PDB file of N, CA and C in Angstrom:
ATOM      1  N   UNK A   1     166.236 130.079  35.686  1.00  0.00           N
ATOM      2  CA  UNK A   1     165.833 129.345  36.848  1.00  0.00           C
ATOM      3  C   UNK A   1     165.165 130.218  37.876  1.00  0.00           C
ATOM      4  N   UNK A   2     165.740 131.339  38.021  1.00  0.00           N
ATOM      5  CA  UNK A   2     165.193 132.226  39.019  1.00  0.00           C
ATOM      6  C   UNK A   2     163.760 132.615  38.701  1.00  0.00           C
ATOM      7  N   UNK A   3     163.507 132.848  37.471  1.00  0.00           N
ATOM      8  CA  UNK A   3     162.184 133.252  37.057  1.00  0.00           C
ATOM      9  C   UNK A   3     161.168 132.148  37.325  1.00  0.00           C
ATOM     10  N   UNK A   4     161.544 130.921  37.065  1.00  0.00           N
ATOM     11  CA  UNK A   4     160.629 129.803  37.271  1.00  0.00           C
ATOM     12  C   UNK A   4     160.347 129.579  38.761  1.00  0.00           C
ATOM     13  N   UNK A   5     161.325 129.799  39.614  1.00  0.00           N
ATOM     14  CA  UNK A   5     161.085 129.648  41.055  1.00  0.00           C
ATOM     15  C   UNK A   5     160.180 130.755  41.564  1.00  0.00           C
ATOM     16  N   UNK A   6     160.277 131.932  40.997  1.00  0.00           N
ATOM     17  CA  UNK A   6     159.393 133.034  41.387  1.00  0.00           C
ATOM     18  C   UNK A   6     157.972 132.735  40.980  1.00  0.00           C
ATOM     19  N   UNK A   7     157.803 132.116  39.847  1.00  0.00           N
ATOM     20  CA  UNK A   7     156.453 131.775  39.414  1.00  0.00           C
ATOM     21  C   UNK A   7     155.877 130.683  40.309  1.00  0.00           C
ATOM     22  N   UNK A   8     156.711 129.793  40.805  1.00  0.00           N
ATOM     23  CA  UNK A   8     156.243 128.764  41.730  1.00  0.00           C
ATOM     24  C   UNK A   8     155.814 129.382  43.050  1.00  0.00           C
ATOM     25  N   UNK A   9     156.543 130.360  43.531  1.00  0.00           N
ATOM     26  CA  UNK A   9     156.178 130.993  44.793  1.00  0.00           C
ATOM     27  C   UNK A   9     154.896 131.804  44.646  1.00  0.00           C
ATOM     28  N   UNK A  10     154.699 132.420  43.485  1.00  0.00           N
ATOM     29  CA  UNK A  10     153.452 133.161  43.285  1.00  0.00           C
ATOM     30  C   UNK A  10     152.289 132.204  43.142  1.00  0.00           C
ATOM     31  N   UNK A  11     152.518 131.052  42.588  1.00  0.00           N
ATOM     32  CA  UNK A  11     151.461 130.052  42.471  1.00  0.00           C
ATOM     33  C   UNK A  11     151.093 129.503  43.831  1.00  0.00           C
ATOM     34  N   UNK A  12     152.090 129.295  44.687  1.00  0.00           N
ATOM     35  CA  UNK A  12     151.802 128.777  46.020  1.00  0.00           C
ATOM     36  C   UNK A  12     151.130 129.841  46.877  1.00  0.00           C
ATOM     37  N   UNK A  13     151.444 131.116  46.659  1.00  0.00           N
ATOM     38  CA  UNK A  13     150.804 132.172  47.438  1.00  0.00           C
ATOM     39  C   UNK A  13     149.361 132.375  47.001  1.00  0.00           C
ATOM     40  N   UNK A  14     149.035 132.059  45.755  1.00  0.00           N
ATOM     41  CA  UNK A  14     147.651 132.195  45.312  1.00  0.00           C
ATOM     42  C   UNK A  14     146.780 131.082  45.899  1.00  0.00           C
ATOM     43  N   UNK A  15     147.335 129.913  46.187  1.00  0.00           N
ATOM     44  CA  UNK A  15     146.572 128.840  46.823  1.00  0.00           C
ATOM     45  C   UNK A  15     146.551 129.012  48.338  1.00  0.00           C
ATOM     46  N   UNK A  16     147.412 129.823  48.869  1.00  0.00           N
ATOM     47  CA  UNK A  16     147.510 130.060  50.301  1.00  0.00           C
ATOM     48  C   UNK A  16     146.259 130.731  50.878  1.00  0.00           C
ATOM     49  N   UNK A  17     145.634 131.716  50.232  1.00  0.00           N
ATOM     50  CA  UNK A  17     144.411 132.287  50.791  1.00  0.00           C
ATOM     51  C   UNK A  17     143.299 131.252  50.921  1.00  0.00           C
ATOM     52  N   UNK A  18     143.222 130.310  50.013  1.00  0.00           N
ATOM     53  CA  UNK A  18     142.205 129.262  50.133  1.00  0.00           C
ATOM     54  C   UNK A  18     142.507 128.344  51.315  1.00  0.00           C
ATOM     55  N   UNK A  19     143.771 128.050  51.507  1.00  0.00           N
ATOM     56  CA  UNK A  19     144.162 127.198  52.635  1.00  0.00           C
ATOM     57  C   UNK A  19     143.897 127.925  53.948  1.00  0.00           C
ATOM     58  N   UNK A  20     144.143 129.226  53.994  1.00  0.00           N
ATOM     59  CA  UNK A  20     143.879 130.004  55.202  1.00  0.00           C
ATOM     60  C   UNK A  20     142.385 130.065  55.517  1.00  0.00           C
ATOM     61  N   UNK A  21     141.576 130.178  54.484  1.00  0.00           N
ATOM     62  CA  UNK A  21     140.126 130.184  54.680  1.00  0.00           C
ATOM     63  C   UNK A  21     139.633 128.840  55.183  1.00  0.00           C
ATOM     64  N   UNK A  22     140.173 127.793  54.626  1.00  0.00           N
ATOM     65  CA  UNK A  22     139.797 126.447  55.093  1.00  0.00           C
ATOM     66  C   UNK A  22     140.231 126.239  56.542  1.00  0.00           C
ATOM     67  N   UNK A  23     141.413 126.748  56.857  1.00  0.00           N
ATOM     68  CA  UNK A  23     141.917 126.619  58.224  1.00  0.00           C
ATOM     69  C   UNK A  23     140.999 127.361  59.200  1.00  0.00           C
ATOM     70  N   UNK A  24     140.573 128.561  58.831  1.00  0.00           N
ATOM     71  CA  UNK A  24     139.668 129.322  59.709  1.00  0.00           C
ATOM     72  C   UNK A  24     138.326 128.617  59.874  1.00  0.00           C
ATOM     73  N   UNK A  25     137.822 128.055  58.788  1.00  0.00           N
ATOM     74  CA  UNK A  25     136.559 127.311  58.863  1.00  0.00           C
ATOM     75  C   UNK A  25     136.718 126.088  59.752  1.00  0.00           C
ATOM     76  N   UNK A  26     137.823 125.383  59.615  1.00  0.00           N
ATOM     77  CA  UNK A  26     138.050 124.201  60.458  1.00  0.00           C
ATOM     78  C   UNK A  26     138.184 124.583  61.924  1.00  0.00           C
ATOM     79  N   UNK A  27     138.882 125.667  62.208  1.00  0.00           N
ATOM     80  CA  UNK A  27     139.007 126.125  63.595  1.00  0.00           C
ATOM     81  C   UNK A  27     137.630 126.511  64.139  1.00  0.00           C
ATOM     82  N   UNK A  28     136.841 127.192  63.323  1.00  0.00           N
ATOM     83  CA  UNK A  28     135.491 127.589  63.747  1.00  0.00           C
ATOM     84  C   UNK A  28     134.633 126.356  64.008  1.00  0.00           C
ATOM     85  N   UNK A  29     134.719 125.367  63.121  1.00  0.00           N
ATOM     86  CA  UNK A  29     133.946 124.134  63.308  1.00  0.00           C
ATOM     87  C   UNK A  29     134.382 123.393  64.571  1.00  0.00           C
ATOM     88  N   UNK A  30     135.666 123.369  64.846  1.00  0.00           N
ATOM     89  CA  UNK A  30     136.161 122.705  66.056  1.00  0.00           C
ATOM     90  C   UNK A  30     135.639 123.421  67.297  1.00  0.00           C
ATOM     91  N   UNK A  31     135.669 124.754  67.273  1.00  0.00           N
ATOM     92  CA  UNK A  31     135.168 125.516  68.423  1.00  0.00           C
ATOM     93  C   UNK A  31     133.674 125.266  68.616  1.00  0.00           C
ATOM     94  N   UNK A  32     132.911 125.278  67.540  1.00  0.00           N
ATOM     95  CA  UNK A  32     131.466 125.017  67.627  1.00  0.00           C
ATOM     96  C   UNK A  32     131.218 123.599  68.121  1.00  0.00           C
ATOM     97  N   UNK A  33     131.979 122.645  67.625  1.00  0.00           N
ATOM     98  CA  UNK A  33     131.825 121.254  68.060  1.00  0.00           C
ATOM     99  C   UNK A  33     132.143 121.100  69.544  1.00  0.00           C
ATOM    100  N   UNK A  34     133.221 121.726  70.002  1.00  0.00           N
ATOM    101  CA  UNK A  34     133.564 121.658  71.424  1.00  0.00           C
ATOM    102  C   UNK A  34     132.464 122.293  72.288  1.00  0.00           C
ATOM    103  N   UNK A  35     131.929 123.407  71.835  1.00  0.00           N
ATOM    104  CA  UNK A  35     130.839 124.047  72.577  1.00  0.00           C
ATOM    105  C   UNK A  35     129.610 123.147  72.622  1.00  0.00           C
ATOM    106  N   UNK A  36     129.287 122.512  71.500  1.00  0.00           N
ATOM    107  CA  UNK A  36     128.126 121.614  71.462  1.00  0.00           C
ATOM    108  C   UNK A  36     128.327 120.427  72.390  1.00  0.00           C
ATOM    109  N   UNK A  37     129.517 119.862  72.406  1.00  0.00           N
ATOM    110  CA  UNK A  37     129.803 118.737  73.305  1.00  0.00           C
ATOM    111  C   UNK A  37     129.663 119.181  74.756  1.00  0.00           C
ATOM    112  N   UNK A  38     130.207 120.355  75.080  1.00  0.00           N
ATOM    113  CA  UNK A  38     130.089 120.881  76.449  1.00  0.00           C
ATOM    114  C   UNK A  38     128.626 121.085  76.826  1.00  0.00           C
ATOM    115  N   UNK A  39     127.836 121.639  75.905  1.00  0.00           N
ATOM    116  CA  UNK A  39     126.418 121.897  76.190  1.00  0.00           C
ATOM    117  C   UNK A  39     125.663 120.587  76.404  1.00  0.00           C
ATOM    118  N   UNK A  40     125.935 119.577  75.610  1.00  0.00           N
ATOM    119  CA  UNK A  40     125.249 118.286  75.741  1.00  0.00           C
ATOM    120  C   UNK A  40     125.614 117.623  77.061  1.00  0.00           C
ATOM    121  N   UNK A  41     126.890 117.634  77.402  1.00  0.00           N
ATOM    122  CA  UNK A  41     127.325 117.038  78.671  1.00  0.00           C
ATOM    123  C   UNK A  41     126.680 117.765  79.848  1.00  0.00           C
ATOM    124  N   UNK A  42     126.660 119.084  79.791  1.00  0.00           N
ATOM    125  CA  UNK A  42     126.035 119.869  80.863  1.00  0.00           C
ATOM    126  C   UNK A  42     124.552 119.555  80.969  1.00  0.00           C
ATOM    127  N   UNK A  43     123.877 119.454  79.840  1.00  0.00           N
ATOM    128  CA  UNK A  43     122.443 119.146  79.844  1.00  0.00           C
ATOM    129  C   UNK A  43     122.171 117.805  80.513  1.00  0.00           C
ATOM    130  N   UNK A  44     122.923 116.783  80.139  1.00  0.00           N
ATOM    131  CA  UNK A  44     122.670 115.457  80.702  1.00  0.00           C
ATOM    132  C   UNK A  44     123.041 115.378  82.181  1.00  0.00           C
ATOM    133  N   UNK A  45     124.123 116.021  82.591  1.00  0.00           N
ATOM    134  CA  UNK A  45     124.464 115.977  84.018  1.00  0.00           C
ATOM    135  C   UNK A  45     123.407 116.713  84.835  1.00  0.00           C
ATOM    136  N   UNK A  46     122.885 117.815  84.322  1.00  0.00           N
ATOM    137  CA  UNK A  46     121.832 118.526  85.045  1.00  0.00           C
ATOM    138  C   UNK A  46     120.536 117.722  85.052  1.00  0.00           C
ATOM    139  N   UNK A  47     120.241 117.003  83.975  1.00  0.00           N
ATOM    140  CA  UNK A  47     119.043 116.166  83.931  1.00  0.00           C
ATOM    141  C   UNK A  47     119.123 115.049  84.969  1.00  0.00           C
ATOM    142  N   UNK A  48     120.301 114.437  85.098  1.00  0.00           N
ATOM    143  CA  UNK A  48     120.484 113.377  86.100  1.00  0.00           C
ATOM    144  C   UNK A  48     120.339 113.964  87.504  1.00  0.00           C
ATOM    145  N   UNK A  49     120.937 115.113  87.716  1.00  0.00           N
ATOM    146  CA  UNK A  49     120.852 115.764  89.020  1.00  0.00           C
ATOM    147  C   UNK A  49     119.400 116.113  89.361  1.00  0.00           C
ATOM    148  N   UNK A  50     118.659 116.616  88.395  1.00  0.00           N
ATOM    149  CA  UNK A  50     117.257 116.959  88.634  1.00  0.00           C
ATOM    150  C   UNK A  50     116.429 115.719  88.925  1.00  0.00           C
ATOM    151  N   UNK A  51     116.720 114.616  88.249  1.00  0.00           N
ATOM    152  CA  UNK A  51     115.980 113.375  88.500  1.00  0.00           C
ATOM    153  C   UNK A  51     116.219 112.897  89.932  1.00  0.00           C
ATOM    154  N   UNK A  52     117.463 112.978  90.390  1.00  0.00           N
ATOM    155  CA  UNK A  52     117.767 112.580  91.763  1.00  0.00           C
ATOM    156  C   UNK A  52     117.070 113.501  92.762  1.00  0.00           C
ATOM    157  N   UNK A  53     117.072 114.789  92.483  1.00  0.00           N
ATOM    158  CA  UNK A  53     116.419 115.740  93.381  1.00  0.00           C
ATOM    159  C   UNK A  53     114.909 115.539  93.391  1.00  0.00           C
ATOM    160  N   UNK A  54     114.328 115.156  92.249  1.00  0.00           N
ATOM    161  CA  UNK A  54     112.891 114.876  92.205  1.00  0.00           C
ATOM    162  C   UNK A  54     112.545 113.646  93.035  1.00  0.00           C
ATOM    163  N   UNK A  55     113.421 112.649  93.036  1.00  0.00           N
ATOM    164  CA  UNK A  55     113.200 111.469  93.871  1.00  0.00           C
ATOM    165  C   UNK A  55     113.217 111.849  95.346  1.00  0.00           C
ATOM    166  N   UNK A  56     114.197 112.663  95.726  1.00  0.00           N
ATOM    167  CA  UNK A  56     114.296 113.111  97.118  1.00  0.00           C
ATOM    168  C   UNK A  56     113.064 113.939  97.488  1.00  0.00           C
ATOM    169  N   UNK A  57     112.630 114.793  96.575  1.00  0.00           N
ATOM    170  CA  UNK A  57     111.449 115.620  96.824  1.00  0.00           C
ATOM    171  C   UNK A  57     110.203 114.766  97.010  1.00  0.00           C
ATOM    172  N   UNK A  58     110.042 113.742  96.182  1.00  0.00           N
ATOM    173  CA  UNK A  58     108.891 112.851  96.308  1.00  0.00           C
ATOM    174  C   UNK A  58     108.913 112.128  97.657  1.00  0.00           C
ATOM    175  N   UNK A  59     110.098 111.682  98.077  1.00  0.00           N
ATOM    176  CA  UNK A  59     110.221 111.012  99.373  1.00  0.00           C
ATOM    177  C   UNK A  59     109.866 111.968 100.504  1.00  0.00           C
ATOM    178  N   UNK A  60     110.372 113.184 100.445  1.00  0.00           N
ATOM    179  CA  UNK A  60     110.075 114.176 101.483  1.00  0.00           C
ATOM    180  C   UNK A  60     108.586 114.516 101.499  1.00  0.00           C
ATOM    181  N   UNK A  61     107.965 114.544 100.341  1.00  0.00           N
ATOM    182  CA  UNK A  61     106.527 114.824 100.259  1.00  0.00           C
ATOM    183  C   UNK A  61     105.727 113.707 100.934  1.00  0.00           C
ATOM    184  N   UNK A  62     106.141 112.455 100.711  1.00  0.00           N
ATOM    185  CA  UNK A  62     105.473 111.336 101.379  1.00  0.00           C
ATOM    186  C   UNK A  62     105.635 111.438 102.894  1.00  0.00           C
ATOM    187  N   UNK A  63     106.848 111.785 103.333  1.00  0.00           N
ATOM    188  CA  UNK A  63     107.089 111.936 104.769  1.00  0.00           C
ATOM    189  C   UNK A  63     106.235 113.066 105.353  1.00  0.00           C
ATOM    190  N   UNK A  64     106.100 114.157 104.604  1.00  0.00           N
ATOM    191  CA  UNK A  64     105.293 115.280 105.072  1.00  0.00           C
ATOM    192  C   UNK A  64     103.826 114.884 105.171  1.00  0.00           C
ATOM    193  N   UNK A  65     103.329 114.138 104.178  1.00  0.00           N
ATOM    194  CA  UNK A  65     101.936 113.692 104.216  1.00  0.00           C
ATOM    195  C   UNK A  65     101.702 112.760 105.402  1.00  0.00           C
ATOM    196  N   UNK A  66     102.657 111.876 105.688  1.00  0.00           N
ATOM    197  CA  UNK A  66     102.521 110.983 106.841  1.00  0.00           C
ATOM    198  C   UNK A  66     102.536 111.788 108.137  1.00  0.00           C
ATOM    199  N   UNK A  67     103.390 112.796 108.216  1.00  0.00           N
ATOM    200  CA  UNK A  67     103.438 113.640 109.409  1.00  0.00           C
ATOM    201  C   UNK A  67     102.141 114.432 109.572  1.00  0.00           C
ATOM    202  N   UNK A  68     101.584 114.906 108.453  1.00  0.00           N
ATOM    203  CA  UNK A  68     100.308 115.626 108.523  1.00  0.00           C
ATOM    204  C   UNK A  68      99.187 114.717 109.011  1.00  0.00           C
ATOM    205  N   UNK A  69      99.170 113.477 108.516  1.00  0.00           N
ATOM    206  CA  UNK A  69      98.143 112.527 108.953  1.00  0.00           C
ATOM    207  C   UNK A  69      98.295 112.228 110.443  1.00  0.00           C
ATOM    208  N   UNK A  70      99.522 112.048 110.884  1.00  0.00           N
ATOM    209  CA  UNK A  70      99.775 111.801 112.300  1.00  0.00           C
ATOM    210  C   UNK A  70      99.353 113.002 113.142  1.00  0.00           C
ATOM    211  N   UNK A  71      99.650 114.189 112.647  1.00  0.00           N
ATOM    212  CA  UNK A  71      99.260 115.408 113.358  1.00  0.00           C
ATOM    213  C   UNK A  71      97.743 115.511 113.474  1.00  0.00           C
ATOM    214  N   UNK A  72      97.026 115.192 112.394  1.00  0.00           N
ATOM    215  CA  UNK A  72      95.554 115.224 112.431  1.00  0.00           C
ATOM    216  C   UNK A  72      95.018 114.225 113.446  1.00  0.00           C
ATOM    217  N   UNK A  73      95.588 113.023 113.462  1.00  0.00           N
ATOM    218  CA  UNK A  73      95.140 111.996 114.405  1.00  0.00           C
ATOM    219  C   UNK A  73      95.380 112.450 115.850  1.00  0.00           C
ATOM    220  N   UNK A  74      96.551 113.003 116.110  1.00  0.00           N
ATOM    221  CA  UNK A  74      96.851 113.475 117.459  1.00  0.00           C
ATOM    222  C   UNK A  74      95.961 114.650 117.854  1.00  0.00           C
ATOM    223  N   UNK A  75      95.674 115.530 116.915  1.00  0.00           N
ATOM    224  CA  UNK A  75      94.783 116.657 117.197  1.00  0.00           C
ATOM    225  C   UNK A  75      93.379 116.150 117.511  1.00  0.00           C
ATOM    226  N   UNK A  76      92.938 115.121 116.803  1.00  0.00           N
ATOM    227  CA  UNK A  76      91.635 114.517 117.072  1.00  0.00           C
ATOM    228  C   UNK A  76      91.606 113.926 118.482  1.00  0.00           C
ATOM    229  N   UNK A  77      92.672 113.235 118.857  1.00  0.00           N
ATOM    230  CA  UNK A  77      92.747 112.654 120.204  1.00  0.00           C
ATOM    231  C   UNK A  77      92.742 113.750 121.270  1.00  0.00           C
ATOM    232  N   UNK A  78      93.460 114.832 121.034  1.00  0.00           N
ATOM    233  CA  UNK A  78      93.469 115.938 122.002  1.00  0.00           C
ATOM    234  C   UNK A  78      92.079 116.524 122.149  1.00  0.00           C
ATOM    235  N   UNK A  79      91.385 116.690 121.040  1.00  0.00           N
ATOM    236  CA  UNK A  79      90.017 117.228 121.107  1.00  0.00           C
ATOM    237  C   UNK A  79      89.087 116.281 121.851  1.00  0.00           C
ATOM    238  N   UNK A  80      89.272 114.984 121.641  1.00  0.00           N
ATOM    239  CA  UNK A  80      88.424 114.013 122.363  1.00  0.00           C
ATOM    240  C   UNK A  80      88.715 114.043 123.859  1.00  0.00           C
ATOM    241  N   UNK A  81      89.987 114.270 124.223  1.00  0.00           N
ATOM    242  CA  UNK A  81      90.326 114.318 125.643  1.00  0.00           C
ATOM    243  C   UNK A  81      89.770 115.566 126.328  1.00  0.00           C
ATOM    244  N   UNK A  82      89.308 116.525 125.575  1.00  0.00           N
ATOM    245  CA  UNK A  82      88.669 117.707 126.140  1.00  0.00           C
ATOM    246  C   UNK A  82      87.215 117.406 126.535  1.00  0.00           C
ATOM    247  N   UNK A  83      86.652 116.319 126.031  1.00  0.00           N
ATOM    248  CA  UNK A  83      85.252 115.951 126.274  1.00  0.00           C
ATOM    249  C   UNK A  83      85.145 115.130 127.560  1.00  0.00           C
ATOM    250  N   UNK A  84      84.361 115.596 128.542  1.00  0.00           N
ATOM    251  CA  UNK A  84      84.221 114.851 129.802  1.00  0.00           C
ATOM    252  C   UNK A  84      83.589 113.471 129.616  1.00  0.00           C
ATOM    253  N   UNK A  85      82.691 113.327 128.665  1.00  0.00           N
ATOM    254  CA  UNK A  85      82.064 112.018 128.437  1.00  0.00           C
ATOM    255  C   UNK A  85      83.103 111.000 127.960  1.00  0.00           C
ATOM    256  N   UNK A  86      84.017 111.419 127.095  1.00  0.00           N
ATOM    257  CA  UNK A  86      85.048 110.519 126.601  1.00  0.00           C
ATOM    258  C   UNK A  86      85.996 110.128 127.738  1.00  0.00           C
ATOM    259  N   UNK A  87      86.330 111.071 128.596  1.00  0.00           N
ATOM    260  CA  UNK A  87      87.202 110.772 129.737  1.00  0.00           C
ATOM    261  C   UNK A  87      86.522 109.764 130.655  1.00  0.00           C
ATOM    262  N   UNK A  88      85.223 109.938 130.893  1.00  0.00           N
ATOM    263  CA  UNK A  88      84.483 108.981 131.722  1.00  0.00           C
ATOM    264  C   UNK A  88      84.447 107.607 131.085  1.00  0.00           C
ATOM    265  N   UNK A  89      84.259 107.562 129.788  1.00  0.00           N
ATOM    266  CA  UNK A  89      84.229 106.281 129.081  1.00  0.00           C
ATOM    267  C   UNK A  89      85.575 105.577 129.182  1.00  0.00           C
ATOM    268  N   UNK A  90      86.661 106.318 129.037  1.00  0.00           N
ATOM    269  CA  UNK A  90      87.991 105.724 129.169  1.00  0.00           C
ATOM    270  C   UNK A  90      88.225 105.238 130.595  1.00  0.00           C
ATOM    271  N   UNK A  91      87.782 106.009 131.603  1.00  0.00           N
ATOM    272  CA  UNK A  91      87.969 105.611 132.997  1.00  0.00           C
ATOM    273  C   UNK A  91      87.224 104.313 133.277  1.00  0.00           C
ATOM    274  N   UNK A  92      86.037 104.177 132.700  1.00  0.00           N
ATOM    275  CA  UNK A  92      85.252 102.957 132.919  1.00  0.00           C
ATOM    276  C   UNK A  92      85.886 101.761 132.215  1.00  0.00           C
ATOM    277  N   UNK A  93      86.254 101.932 130.929  1.00  0.00           N
ATOM    278  CA  UNK A  93      86.720 100.776 130.153  1.00  0.00           C
ATOM    279  C   UNK A  93      88.149 100.369 130.514  1.00  0.00           C
ATOM    280  N   UNK A  94      89.051 101.316 130.668  1.00  0.00           N
ATOM    281  CA  UNK A  94      90.444 100.968 130.901  1.00  0.00           C
ATOM    282  C   UNK A  94      90.781 100.739 132.366  1.00  0.00           C
ATOM    283  N   UNK A  95      90.188 101.532 133.252  1.00  0.00           N
ATOM    284  CA  UNK A  95      90.604 101.499 134.653  1.00  0.00           C
ATOM    285  C   UNK A  95      89.541 100.943 135.599  1.00  0.00           C
ATOM    286  N   UNK A  96      88.352 100.671 135.092  1.00  0.00           N
ATOM    287  CA  UNK A  96      87.299 100.113 135.935  1.00  0.00           C
ATOM    288  C   UNK A  96      86.769 101.104 136.967  1.00  0.00           C
ATOM    289  N   UNK A  97      86.858 102.380 136.675  1.00  0.00           N
ATOM    290  CA  UNK A  97      86.372 103.415 137.584  1.00  0.00           C
ATOM    291  C   UNK A  97      84.943 103.802 137.184  1.00  0.00           C
ATOM    292  N   UNK A  98      84.079 103.989 138.199  1.00  0.00           N
ATOM    293  CA  UNK A  98      82.687 104.348 137.940  1.00  0.00           C
ATOM    294  C   UNK A  98      82.300 105.488 138.858  1.00  0.00           C
ATOM    295  N   UNK A  99      81.299 106.237 138.428  1.00  0.00           N
ATOM    296  CA  UNK A  99      80.749 107.283 139.282  1.00  0.00           C
ATOM    297  C   UNK A  99      80.027 106.626 140.461  1.00  0.00           C
ATOM    298  N   UNK A 100      79.884 107.341 141.596  1.00  0.00           N
ATOM    299  CA  UNK A 100      79.251 106.724 142.773  1.00  0.00           C
ATOM    300  C   UNK A 100      77.810 106.274 142.516  1.00  0.00           C
ATOM    301  N   UNK A 101      77.066 106.962 141.675  1.00  0.00           N
ATOM    302  CA  UNK A 101      75.666 106.581 141.446  1.00  0.00           C
ATOM    303  C   UNK A 101      75.520 105.520 140.350  1.00  0.00           C
ATOM    304  N   UNK A 102      76.625 105.103 139.697  1.00  0.00           N
ATOM    305  CA  UNK A 102      76.556 104.099 138.642  1.00  0.00           C
ATOM    306  C   UNK A 102      76.712 102.704 139.228  1.00  0.00           C
ATOM    307  N   UNK A 103      76.016 101.767 138.635  1.00  0.00           N
ATOM    308  CA  UNK A 103      76.169 100.366 138.999  1.00  0.00           C
ATOM    309  C   UNK A 103      76.805  99.645 137.820  1.00  0.00           C
ATOM    310  N   UNK A 104      77.998  99.100 138.004  1.00  0.00           N
ATOM    311  CA  UNK A 104      78.660  98.423 136.892  1.00  0.00           C
ATOM    312  C   UNK A 104      77.959  97.102 136.566  1.00  0.00           C
ATOM    313  N   UNK A 105      77.905  96.817 135.293  1.00  0.00           N
ATOM    314  CA  UNK A 105      77.350  95.538 134.835  1.00  0.00           C
ATOM    315  C   UNK A 105      78.532  94.699 134.366  1.00  0.00           C
ATOM    316  N   UNK A 106      78.680  93.551 135.013  1.00  0.00           N
ATOM    317  CA  UNK A 106      79.812  92.697 134.707  1.00  0.00           C
ATOM    318  C   UNK A 106      79.292  91.483 133.981  1.00  0.00           C
ATOM    319  N   UNK A 107      79.818  91.218 132.816  1.00  0.00           N
ATOM    320  CA  UNK A 107      79.435  90.036 132.048  1.00  0.00           C
ATOM    321  C   UNK A 107      80.200  88.825 132.585  1.00  0.00           C
ATOM    322  N   UNK A 108      79.589  87.727 132.533  1.00  0.00           N
ATOM    323  CA  UNK A 108      80.240  86.514 132.982  1.00  0.00           C
ATOM    324  C   UNK A 108      81.249  86.022 131.970  1.00  0.00           C
ATOM    325  N   UNK A 109      81.206  86.573 130.761  1.00  0.00           N
ATOM    326  CA  UNK A 109      82.135  86.150 129.701  1.00  0.00           C
ATOM    327  C   UNK A 109      83.550  86.657 129.966  1.00  0.00           C
ATOM    328  N   UNK A 110      83.691  87.723 130.672  1.00  0.00           N
ATOM    329  CA  UNK A 110      85.002  88.327 130.864  1.00  0.00           C
ATOM    330  C   UNK A 110      85.783  87.685 131.931  1.00  0.00           C
TER     331      UNK A 110
END
């Protein structure tokens, strides 16, 4: 009996290296799978974050373009206010002021 049990233990030990190799391969596959899942999740969360940031950037760019247009318009108005002819034209049209040598022409339509 003893001899037969020893042969059983040697038979089980010969299959044990194969089981250990399979176990190592399975552990390696699990580690690789977990890493791949982590990488995919990280990729998608960063993609969503970048999409949101691109939307904010586009909005800020539109606001900047509107501010630039407003700045150009105001700069144009400032330059026009430097012109004495434009100031005289505004005084005549808005305030009804005329130079002493000018004779205003008043339409009957107004």
